[in-house]
Amino acid sequence: MKPFLILQLRPEDIAANSEFAAILDKAGLKKNEVLRIRLDKDHNISQLNLDNFSAIIVGGGPGCVSDPIETKPPLEKKIEDSIMELMKPICEKDIPFLGCCYGIGILAHFLGGVVNKEKYSEPVGATECTLTKNGEKDELLAGMAKNFRAFVGHKEAVQELPANCTNLVTSKTCPFQMIKYKSNIYATQFHPEADNKEFELRIKIYKNYGYFAPDEAEKLIKMVRGENVTIPEKLLANFVKKYKVSG
């Protein structure tokens, strides 16, 4: 099998390692079936031959594509520049791609869509998502309930759907929870890899990153522990099943 390329944007080691393990678990992949690259490290990804991979999965991160360039820390700008460099060949060639959370901002921004903090940010927790009519027909969402709960937490969001994109999943608080470009390029605002334990860990790690008041962390953890979030992970399994290519 051609390996899956997993790109991570989280500079925090504990968060990055836990996210990587969650992606493997929910996608049904083994370590020897992927190439993992952390974009916060020194990797020249411009030399990657994307034809050597079955597909690309991009994890989330604390950055915001809509923040002014002059205010972005150097590491955040480096990470963003690296992933943006790959979006051109991905979108031109319709290379199988799944961007999680931060990935929807990257995709929409690259395609000329509006991404900012004006509307549709969502507090840390679970939200009720609904498949659109197009989502009900999409192979990647096969076997998923029309309505399901998913973990979210983001400051910025897609304000307008980019041209030639399809909205697959929506919610009352954020209309664009999952979008599709061309035939094989997907991105979600929710976290398909995150279960209760994973999200609890992120609350602890990111409690001083402006997503919520630090003294609310324990309350959020208690709320997360009470959630039943199991449907979104099927998306990762479907993605791997659909795009697994023999080497």
C-alpha atoms as a PDB file:
ATOM      1  CA  MET A   1       0.000   0.000   0.000  1.00  0.00           C
ATOM      2  CA  LYS A   2       1.152   3.522  -0.720  1.00  0.00           C
ATOM      3  CA  PRO A   3       1.503   5.285   2.634  1.00  0.00           C
ATOM      4  CA  PHE A   4      -0.831   8.017   3.831  1.00  0.00           C
ATOM      5  CA  LEU A   5       0.883  11.341   4.424  1.00  0.00           C
ATOM      6  CA  ILE A   6      -0.029  12.807   7.806  1.00  0.00           C
ATOM      7  CA  LEU A   7       0.905  16.457   8.273  1.00  0.00           C
ATOM      8  CA  GLN A   8       0.713  17.943  11.745  1.00  0.00           C
ATOM      9  CA  LEU A   9       0.709  21.585  12.746  1.00  0.00           C
ATOM     10  CA  ARG A  10       0.730  21.411  16.534  1.00  0.00           C
ATOM     11  CA  PRO A  11       4.012  22.663  18.080  1.00  0.00           C
ATOM     12  CA  GLU A  12       3.144  21.123  21.464  1.00  0.00           C
ATOM     13  CA  ASP A  13       4.691  17.626  21.662  1.00  0.00           C
ATOM     14  CA  ILE A  14       2.040  16.089  23.915  1.00  0.00           C
ATOM     15  CA  ALA A  15      -0.797  17.409  21.746  1.00  0.00           C
ATOM     16  CA  ALA A  16       0.889  16.406  18.487  1.00  0.00           C
ATOM     17  CA  ASN A  17       1.706  12.888  19.659  1.00  0.00           C
ATOM     18  CA  SER A  18      -1.779  12.314  21.043  1.00  0.00           C
ATOM     19  CA  GLU A  19      -3.400  13.648  17.868  1.00  0.00           C
ATOM     20  CA  PHE A  20      -1.214  11.368  15.741  1.00  0.00           C
ATOM     21  CA  ALA A  21      -2.197   8.335  17.814  1.00  0.00           C
ATOM     22  CA  ALA A  22      -5.878   9.331  17.556  1.00  0.00           C
ATOM     23  CA  ILE A  23      -5.711   9.677  13.770  1.00  0.00           C
ATOM     24  CA  LEU A  24      -4.092   6.250  13.429  1.00  0.00           C
ATOM     25  CA  ASP A  25      -6.627   4.664  15.759  1.00  0.00           C
ATOM     26  CA  LYS A  26      -9.748   6.171  14.204  1.00  0.00           C
ATOM     27  CA  ALA A  27      -8.498   5.714  10.624  1.00  0.00           C
ATOM     28  CA  GLY A  28      -7.430   2.117  11.199  1.00  0.00           C
ATOM     29  CA  LEU A  29      -3.859   2.820  10.113  1.00  0.00           C
ATOM     30  CA  LYS A  30      -0.588   1.418  11.442  1.00  0.00           C
ATOM     31  CA  LYS A  31       2.601   3.431  11.889  1.00  0.00           C
ATOM     32  CA  ASN A  32       4.268   1.605   9.006  1.00  0.00           C
ATOM     33  CA  GLU A  33       1.407   2.646   6.718  1.00  0.00           C
ATOM     34  CA  VAL A  34       1.977   6.383   7.089  1.00  0.00           C
ATOM     35  CA  LEU A  35       4.606   9.051   6.743  1.00  0.00           C
ATOM     36  CA  ARG A  36       4.277  11.497   9.602  1.00  0.00           C
ATOM     37  CA  ILE A  37       5.627  15.014   9.199  1.00  0.00           C
ATOM     38  CA  ARG A  38       5.391  17.709  11.851  1.00  0.00           C
ATOM     39  CA  LEU A  39       5.491  21.049  10.100  1.00  0.00           C
ATOM     40  CA  ASP A  40       6.847  22.761  13.220  1.00  0.00           C
ATOM     41  CA  LYS A  41      10.065  20.844  12.641  1.00  0.00           C
ATOM     42  CA  ASP A  42      12.577  21.447   9.888  1.00  0.00           C
ATOM     43  CA  HIS A  43      11.236  19.559   6.901  1.00  0.00           C
ATOM     44  CA  ASN A  44      11.556  20.610   3.289  1.00  0.00           C
ATOM     45  CA  ILE A  45       8.160  19.366   2.198  1.00  0.00           C
ATOM     46  CA  SER A  46       8.451  21.126  -1.145  1.00  0.00           C
ATOM     47  CA  GLN A  47      10.521  18.128  -2.228  1.00  0.00           C
ATOM     48  CA  LEU A  48       7.753  15.634  -1.490  1.00  0.00           C
ATOM     49  CA  ASN A  49       6.351  13.738  -4.458  1.00  0.00           C
ATOM     50  CA  LEU A  50       2.669  13.637  -3.598  1.00  0.00           C
ATOM     51  CA  ASP A  51       2.108  10.873  -6.159  1.00  0.00           C
ATOM     52  CA  ASN A  52       3.890   8.530  -3.751  1.00  0.00           C
ATOM     53  CA  PHE A  53       1.044   8.681  -1.234  1.00  0.00           C
ATOM     54  CA  SER A  54      -2.455   7.240  -1.118  1.00  0.00           C
ATOM     55  CA  ALA A  55      -3.804  10.476   0.359  1.00  0.00           C
ATOM     56  CA  ILE A  56      -3.032  13.357   2.712  1.00  0.00           C
ATOM     57  CA  ILE A  57      -4.465  13.973   6.182  1.00  0.00           C
ATOM     58  CA  VAL A  58      -3.824  17.305   7.914  1.00  0.00           C
ATOM     59  CA  GLY A  59      -4.391  17.674  11.639  1.00  0.00           C
ATOM     60  CA  GLY A  60      -5.529  20.718  13.592  1.00  0.00           C
ATOM     61  CA  GLY A  61      -3.563  23.411  15.352  1.00  0.00           C
ATOM     62  CA  PRO A  62      -3.807  26.562  17.461  1.00  0.00           C
ATOM     63  CA  GLY A  63      -3.058  28.947  14.585  1.00  0.00           C
ATOM     64  CA  CYS A  64      -5.545  31.101  12.675  1.00  0.00           C
ATOM     65  CA  VAL A  65      -5.067  31.703   8.980  1.00  0.00           C
ATOM     66  CA  SER A  66      -6.989  34.982   9.260  1.00  0.00           C
ATOM     67  CA  ASP A  67      -4.656  36.577  11.813  1.00  0.00           C
ATOM     68  CA  PRO A  68      -2.595  39.476  10.392  1.00  0.00           C
ATOM     69  CA  ILE A  69       0.805  38.331   9.171  1.00  0.00           C
ATOM     70  CA  GLU A  70       2.607  40.912  11.291  1.00  0.00           C
ATOM     71  CA  THR A  71       1.109  39.476  14.488  1.00  0.00           C
ATOM     72  CA  LYS A  72       1.850  35.812  13.786  1.00  0.00           C
ATOM     73  CA  PRO A  73       4.727  34.211  15.691  1.00  0.00           C
ATOM     74  CA  PRO A  74       7.518  33.070  13.338  1.00  0.00           C
ATOM     75  CA  LEU A  75       6.816  29.375  13.973  1.00  0.00           C
ATOM     76  CA  GLU A  76       3.124  29.757  13.200  1.00  0.00           C
ATOM     77  CA  LYS A  77       3.940  31.579   9.961  1.00  0.00           C
ATOM     78  CA  LYS A  78       6.430  28.848   9.022  1.00  0.00           C
ATOM     79  CA  ILE A  79       3.804  26.148   9.553  1.00  0.00           C
ATOM     80  CA  GLU A  80       1.188  28.051   7.567  1.00  0.00           C
ATOM     81  CA  ASP A  81       3.589  28.767   4.695  1.00  0.00           C
ATOM     82  CA  SER A  82       4.547  25.087   4.518  1.00  0.00           C
ATOM     83  CA  ILE A  83       0.998  23.783   4.205  1.00  0.00           C
ATOM     84  CA  MET A  84       0.004  26.557   1.803  1.00  0.00           C
ATOM     85  CA  GLU A  85       2.880  25.517  -0.446  1.00  0.00           C
ATOM     86  CA  LEU A  86       1.285  22.089  -0.822  1.00  0.00           C
ATOM     87  CA  MET A  87      -2.247  23.328  -1.432  1.00  0.00           C
ATOM     88  CA  LYS A  88      -1.445  24.405  -4.989  1.00  0.00           C
ATOM     89  CA  PRO A  89      -0.546  20.926  -6.311  1.00  0.00           C
ATOM     90  CA  ILE A  90      -3.240  19.305  -4.142  1.00  0.00           C
ATOM     91  CA  CYS A  91      -5.985  21.499  -5.577  1.00  0.00           C
ATOM     92  CA  GLU A  92      -4.667  21.492  -9.139  1.00  0.00           C
ATOM     93  CA  LYS A  93      -4.368  17.698  -9.280  1.00  0.00           C
ATOM     94  CA  ASP A  94      -7.380  16.915  -7.060  1.00  0.00           C
ATOM     95  CA  ILE A  95      -5.156  14.843  -4.772  1.00  0.00           C
ATOM     96  CA  PRO A  96      -7.110  13.067  -1.999  1.00  0.00           C
ATOM     97  CA  PHE A  97      -6.947  15.353   1.025  1.00  0.00           C
ATOM     98  CA  LEU A  98      -8.662  15.584   4.394  1.00  0.00           C
ATOM     99  CA  GLY A  99      -8.024  18.690   6.481  1.00  0.00           C
ATOM    100  CA  CYS A 100      -9.271  18.677  10.075  1.00  0.00           C
ATOM    101  CA  CYS A 101     -10.325  21.961  11.765  1.00  0.00           C
ATOM    102  CA  TYR A 102      -7.411  24.244  10.823  1.00  0.00           C
ATOM    103  CA  GLY A 103      -7.464  22.443   7.486  1.00  0.00           C
ATOM    104  CA  ILE A 104     -10.825  23.945   6.503  1.00  0.00           C
ATOM    105  CA  GLY A 105      -9.455  27.437   7.021  1.00  0.00           C
ATOM    106  CA  ILE A 106      -6.373  26.635   4.950  1.00  0.00           C
ATOM    107  CA  LEU A 107      -8.412  25.137   2.104  1.00  0.00           C
ATOM    108  CA  ALA A 108     -11.021  27.899   2.007  1.00  0.00           C
ATOM    109  CA  HIS A 109      -8.387  30.626   2.246  1.00  0.00           C
ATOM    110  CA  PHE A 110      -6.343  29.094  -0.569  1.00  0.00           C
ATOM    111  CA  LEU A 111      -9.443  28.895  -2.765  1.00  0.00           C
ATOM    112  CA  GLY A 112     -10.207  32.557  -2.201  1.00  0.00           C
ATOM    113  CA  GLY A 113     -12.992  32.086   0.307  1.00  0.00           C
ATOM    114  CA  VAL A 114     -13.621  34.367   3.274  1.00  0.00           C
ATOM    115  CA  VAL A 115     -12.159  33.077   6.544  1.00  0.00           C
ATOM    116  CA  ASN A 116     -12.216  35.272   9.641  1.00  0.00           C
ATOM    117  CA  LYS A 117     -13.506  35.644  13.209  1.00  0.00           C
ATOM    118  CA  GLU A 118     -16.548  37.761  12.371  1.00  0.00           C
ATOM    119  CA  LYS A 119     -19.097  34.951  12.763  1.00  0.00           C
ATOM    120  CA  TYR A 120     -19.429  31.228  13.399  1.00  0.00           C
ATOM    121  CA  SER A 121     -16.675  30.698  15.962  1.00  0.00           C
ATOM    122  CA  GLU A 122     -17.632  27.903  18.344  1.00  0.00           C
ATOM    123  CA  PRO A 123     -16.733  27.406  22.002  1.00  0.00           C
ATOM    124  CA  VAL A 124     -14.883  24.301  23.094  1.00  0.00           C
ATOM    125  CA  GLY A 125     -17.296  21.401  23.408  1.00  0.00           C
ATOM    126  CA  ALA A 126     -19.616  19.267  21.304  1.00  0.00           C
ATOM    127  CA  THR A 127     -22.093  20.536  18.745  1.00  0.00           C
ATOM    128  CA  GLU A 128     -24.942  18.964  16.778  1.00  0.00           C
ATOM    129  CA  CYS A 129     -24.010  18.490  13.122  1.00  0.00           C
ATOM    130  CA  THR A 130     -26.338  17.658  10.244  1.00  0.00           C
ATOM    131  CA  LEU A 131     -25.607  16.169   6.836  1.00  0.00           C
ATOM    132  CA  THR A 132     -26.766  18.325   3.953  1.00  0.00           C
ATOM    133  CA  LYS A 133     -28.491  16.706   0.971  1.00  0.00           C
ATOM    134  CA  ASN A 134     -25.121  16.614  -0.774  1.00  0.00           C
ATOM    135  CA  GLY A 135     -23.575  15.137   2.350  1.00  0.00           C
ATOM    136  CA  GLU A 136     -26.122  12.324   2.433  1.00  0.00           C
ATOM    137  CA  LYS A 137     -25.004  11.306  -1.053  1.00  0.00           C
ATOM    138  CA  ASP A 138     -21.262  11.573  -0.479  1.00  0.00           C
ATOM    139  CA  GLU A 139     -19.331   8.310  -0.228  1.00  0.00           C
ATOM    140  CA  LEU A 140     -17.110   9.632   2.548  1.00  0.00           C
ATOM    141  CA  LEU A 141     -20.100  10.090   4.828  1.00  0.00           C
ATOM    142  CA  ALA A 142     -21.623   6.691   4.144  1.00  0.00           C
ATOM    143  CA  GLY A 143     -22.931   4.986   7.266  1.00  0.00           C
ATOM    144  CA  MET A 144     -22.980   8.197   9.292  1.00  0.00           C
ATOM    145  CA  ALA A 145     -26.162   9.347  10.967  1.00  0.00           C
ATOM    146  CA  LYS A 146     -27.876  12.373   9.447  1.00  0.00           C
ATOM    147  CA  ASN A 147     -27.494  14.120  12.804  1.00  0.00           C
ATOM    148  CA  PHE A 148     -24.490  13.544  15.035  1.00  0.00           C
ATOM    149  CA  ARG A 149     -22.470  15.250  17.727  1.00  0.00           C
ATOM    150  CA  ALA A 150     -18.871  16.274  17.137  1.00  0.00           C
ATOM    151  CA  PHE A 151     -16.193  18.083  19.102  1.00  0.00           C
ATOM    152  CA  VAL A 152     -15.366  21.632  18.048  1.00  0.00           C
ATOM    153  CA  GLY A 153     -13.486  24.647  19.299  1.00  0.00           C
ATOM    154  CA  HIS A 154     -12.303  27.378  16.944  1.00  0.00           C
ATOM    155  CA  LYS A 155     -11.896  31.147  16.835  1.00  0.00           C
ATOM    156  CA  GLU A 156     -12.197  31.630  13.073  1.00  0.00           C
ATOM    157  CA  ALA A 157     -14.498  30.054  10.503  1.00  0.00           C
ATOM    158  CA  VAL A 158     -15.412  30.020   6.836  1.00  0.00           C
ATOM    159  CA  GLN A 159     -17.826  32.906   6.257  1.00  0.00           C
ATOM    160  CA  GLU A 160     -18.683  32.183   2.642  1.00  0.00           C
ATOM    161  CA  LEU A 161     -18.334  28.945   0.704  1.00  0.00           C
ATOM    162  CA  PRO A 162     -15.525  29.244  -1.860  1.00  0.00           C
ATOM    163  CA  ALA A 163     -16.452  28.901  -5.530  1.00  0.00           C
ATOM    164  CA  ASN A 164     -16.820  25.327  -6.786  1.00  0.00           C
ATOM    165  CA  CYS A 165     -17.053  23.941  -3.248  1.00  0.00           C
ATOM    166  CA  THR A 166     -19.884  21.816  -1.853  1.00  0.00           C
ATOM    167  CA  ASN A 167     -21.178  22.035   1.697  1.00  0.00           C
ATOM    168  CA  LEU A 168     -21.572  18.528   3.129  1.00  0.00           C
ATOM    169  CA  VAL A 169     -22.190  19.090   6.843  1.00  0.00           C
ATOM    170  CA  THR A 170     -23.726  22.034   8.671  1.00  0.00           C
ATOM    171  CA  SER A 171     -24.754  23.097  12.180  1.00  0.00           C
ATOM    172  CA  LYS A 172     -26.841  25.863  13.724  1.00  0.00           C
ATOM    173  CA  THR A 173     -23.771  27.638  15.084  1.00  0.00           C
ATOM    174  CA  CYS A 174     -21.480  27.154  12.094  1.00  0.00           C
ATOM    175  CA  PRO A 175     -22.927  26.568   8.603  1.00  0.00           C
ATOM    176  CA  PHE A 176     -19.786  25.055   7.097  1.00  0.00           C
ATOM    177  CA  GLN A 177     -18.768  22.046   9.185  1.00  0.00           C
ATOM    178  CA  MET A 178     -17.494  20.025   6.224  1.00  0.00           C
ATOM    179  CA  ILE A 179     -16.805  21.088   2.659  1.00  0.00           C
ATOM    180  CA  LYS A 180     -15.611  19.407  -0.535  1.00  0.00           C
ATOM    181  CA  TYR A 181     -13.639  20.754  -3.481  1.00  0.00           C
ATOM    182  CA  LYS A 182     -13.566  18.935  -6.800  1.00  0.00           C
ATOM    183  CA  SER A 183     -13.882  15.169  -6.275  1.00  0.00           C
ATOM    184  CA  ASN A 184     -11.323  14.270  -3.617  1.00  0.00           C
ATOM    185  CA  ILE A 185     -10.499  17.275  -1.454  1.00  0.00           C
ATOM    186  CA  TYR A 186     -12.315  17.480   1.888  1.00  0.00           C
ATOM    187  CA  ALA A 187     -12.042  19.568   5.043  1.00  0.00           C
ATOM    188  CA  THR A 188     -13.913  19.613   8.329  1.00  0.00           C
ATOM    189  CA  GLN A 189     -14.421  22.285  10.963  1.00  0.00           C
ATOM    190  CA  PHE A 190     -15.150  19.624  13.578  1.00  0.00           C
ATOM    191  CA  HIS A 191     -12.540  17.145  14.802  1.00  0.00           C
ATOM    192  CA  PRO A 192     -13.175  13.657  13.340  1.00  0.00           C
ATOM    193  CA  GLU A 193     -10.239  12.198  15.288  1.00  0.00           C
ATOM    194  CA  ALA A 194     -11.209  13.487  18.729  1.00  0.00           C
ATOM    195  CA  ASP A 195     -12.975  11.391  21.326  1.00  0.00           C
ATOM    196  CA  ASN A 196     -13.673  12.383  24.930  1.00  0.00           C
ATOM    197  CA  LYS A 197     -10.181  11.627  26.253  1.00  0.00           C
ATOM    198  CA  GLU A 198      -8.473  13.375  23.362  1.00  0.00           C
ATOM    199  CA  PHE A 199     -10.533  16.528  23.780  1.00  0.00           C
ATOM    200  CA  GLU A 200     -10.020  16.533  27.539  1.00  0.00           C
ATOM    201  CA  LEU A 201      -6.270  16.499  26.964  1.00  0.00           C
ATOM    202  CA  ARG A 202      -6.500  19.432  24.543  1.00  0.00           C
ATOM    203  CA  ILE A 203      -8.502  21.455  27.035  1.00  0.00           C
ATOM    204  CA  LYS A 204      -5.662  21.008  29.517  1.00  0.00           C
ATOM    205  CA  ILE A 205      -2.979  21.876  26.963  1.00  0.00           C
ATOM    206  CA  TYR A 206      -4.698  24.868  25.381  1.00  0.00           C
ATOM    207  CA  LYS A 207      -6.389  26.420  28.412  1.00  0.00           C
ATOM    208  CA  ASN A 208      -4.228  29.544  28.099  1.00  0.00           C
ATOM    209  CA  TYR A 209      -4.597  29.951  24.331  1.00  0.00           C
ATOM    210  CA  GLY A 210      -7.686  32.158  24.345  1.00  0.00           C
ATOM    211  CA  TYR A 211     -10.323  29.545  23.496  1.00  0.00           C
ATOM    212  CA  PHE A 212     -11.924  29.945  26.915  1.00  0.00           C
ATOM    213  CA  ALA A 213     -11.202  31.483  30.300  1.00  0.00           C
ATOM    214  CA  PRO A 214      -8.576  29.299  32.056  1.00  0.00           C
ATOM    215  CA  ASP A 215     -10.768  28.949  35.146  1.00  0.00           C
ATOM    216  CA  GLU A 216     -13.440  27.281  32.985  1.00  0.00           C
ATOM    217  CA  ALA A 217     -11.194  24.318  32.118  1.00  0.00           C
ATOM    218  CA  GLU A 218     -12.521  21.943  34.771  1.00  0.00           C
ATOM    219  CA  LYS A 219     -16.127  22.761  33.880  1.00  0.00           C
ATOM    220  CA  LEU A 220     -15.407  22.057  30.206  1.00  0.00           C
ATOM    221  CA  ILE A 221     -13.656  18.793  31.031  1.00  0.00           C
ATOM    222  CA  LYS A 222     -16.676  17.640  33.035  1.00  0.00           C
ATOM    223  CA  MET A 223     -18.945  18.550  30.119  1.00  0.00           C
ATOM    224  CA  VAL A 224     -16.741  16.716  27.606  1.00  0.00           C
ATOM    225  CA  ARG A 225     -16.678  13.588  29.760  1.00  0.00           C
ATOM    226  CA  GLY A 226     -20.472  13.512  29.604  1.00  0.00           C
ATOM    227  CA  GLU A 227     -20.650  13.651  25.818  1.00  0.00           C
ATOM    228  CA  ASN A 228     -21.236  10.652  23.557  1.00  0.00           C
ATOM    229  CA  VAL A 229     -19.192  11.437  20.446  1.00  0.00           C
ATOM    230  CA  THR A 230     -18.555   8.363  18.295  1.00  0.00           C
ATOM    231  CA  ILE A 231     -19.895   9.098  14.803  1.00  0.00           C
ATOM    232  CA  PRO A 232     -17.270  11.552  13.435  1.00  0.00           C
ATOM    233  CA  GLU A 233     -14.470   8.984  13.598  1.00  0.00           C
ATOM    234  CA  LYS A 234     -16.208   6.962  10.873  1.00  0.00           C
ATOM    235  CA  LEU A 235     -15.200   9.729   8.481  1.00  0.00           C
ATOM    236  CA  LEU A 236     -11.514   8.879   8.911  1.00  0.00           C
ATOM    237  CA  ALA A 237     -12.149   5.173   8.425  1.00  0.00           C
ATOM    238  CA  ASN A 238     -14.176   5.896   5.273  1.00  0.00           C
ATOM    239  CA  PHE A 239     -11.436   8.185   3.961  1.00  0.00           C
ATOM    240  CA  VAL A 240      -8.778   5.488   4.325  1.00  0.00           C
ATOM    241  CA  LYS A 241     -11.044   2.820   2.851  1.00  0.00           C
ATOM    242  CA  LYS A 242     -11.820   4.999  -0.165  1.00  0.00           C
ATOM    243  CA  TYR A 243      -8.305   6.163  -0.940  1.00  0.00           C
ATOM    244  CA  LYS A 244      -6.077   3.274   0.042  1.00  0.00           C
ATOM    245  CA  VAL A 245      -3.899   2.589  -3.012  1.00  0.00           C
ATOM    246  CA  SER A 246      -1.706  -0.450  -3.599  1.00  0.00           C
ATOM    247  CA  GLY A 247       1.971   0.380  -3.946  1.00  0.00           C
END
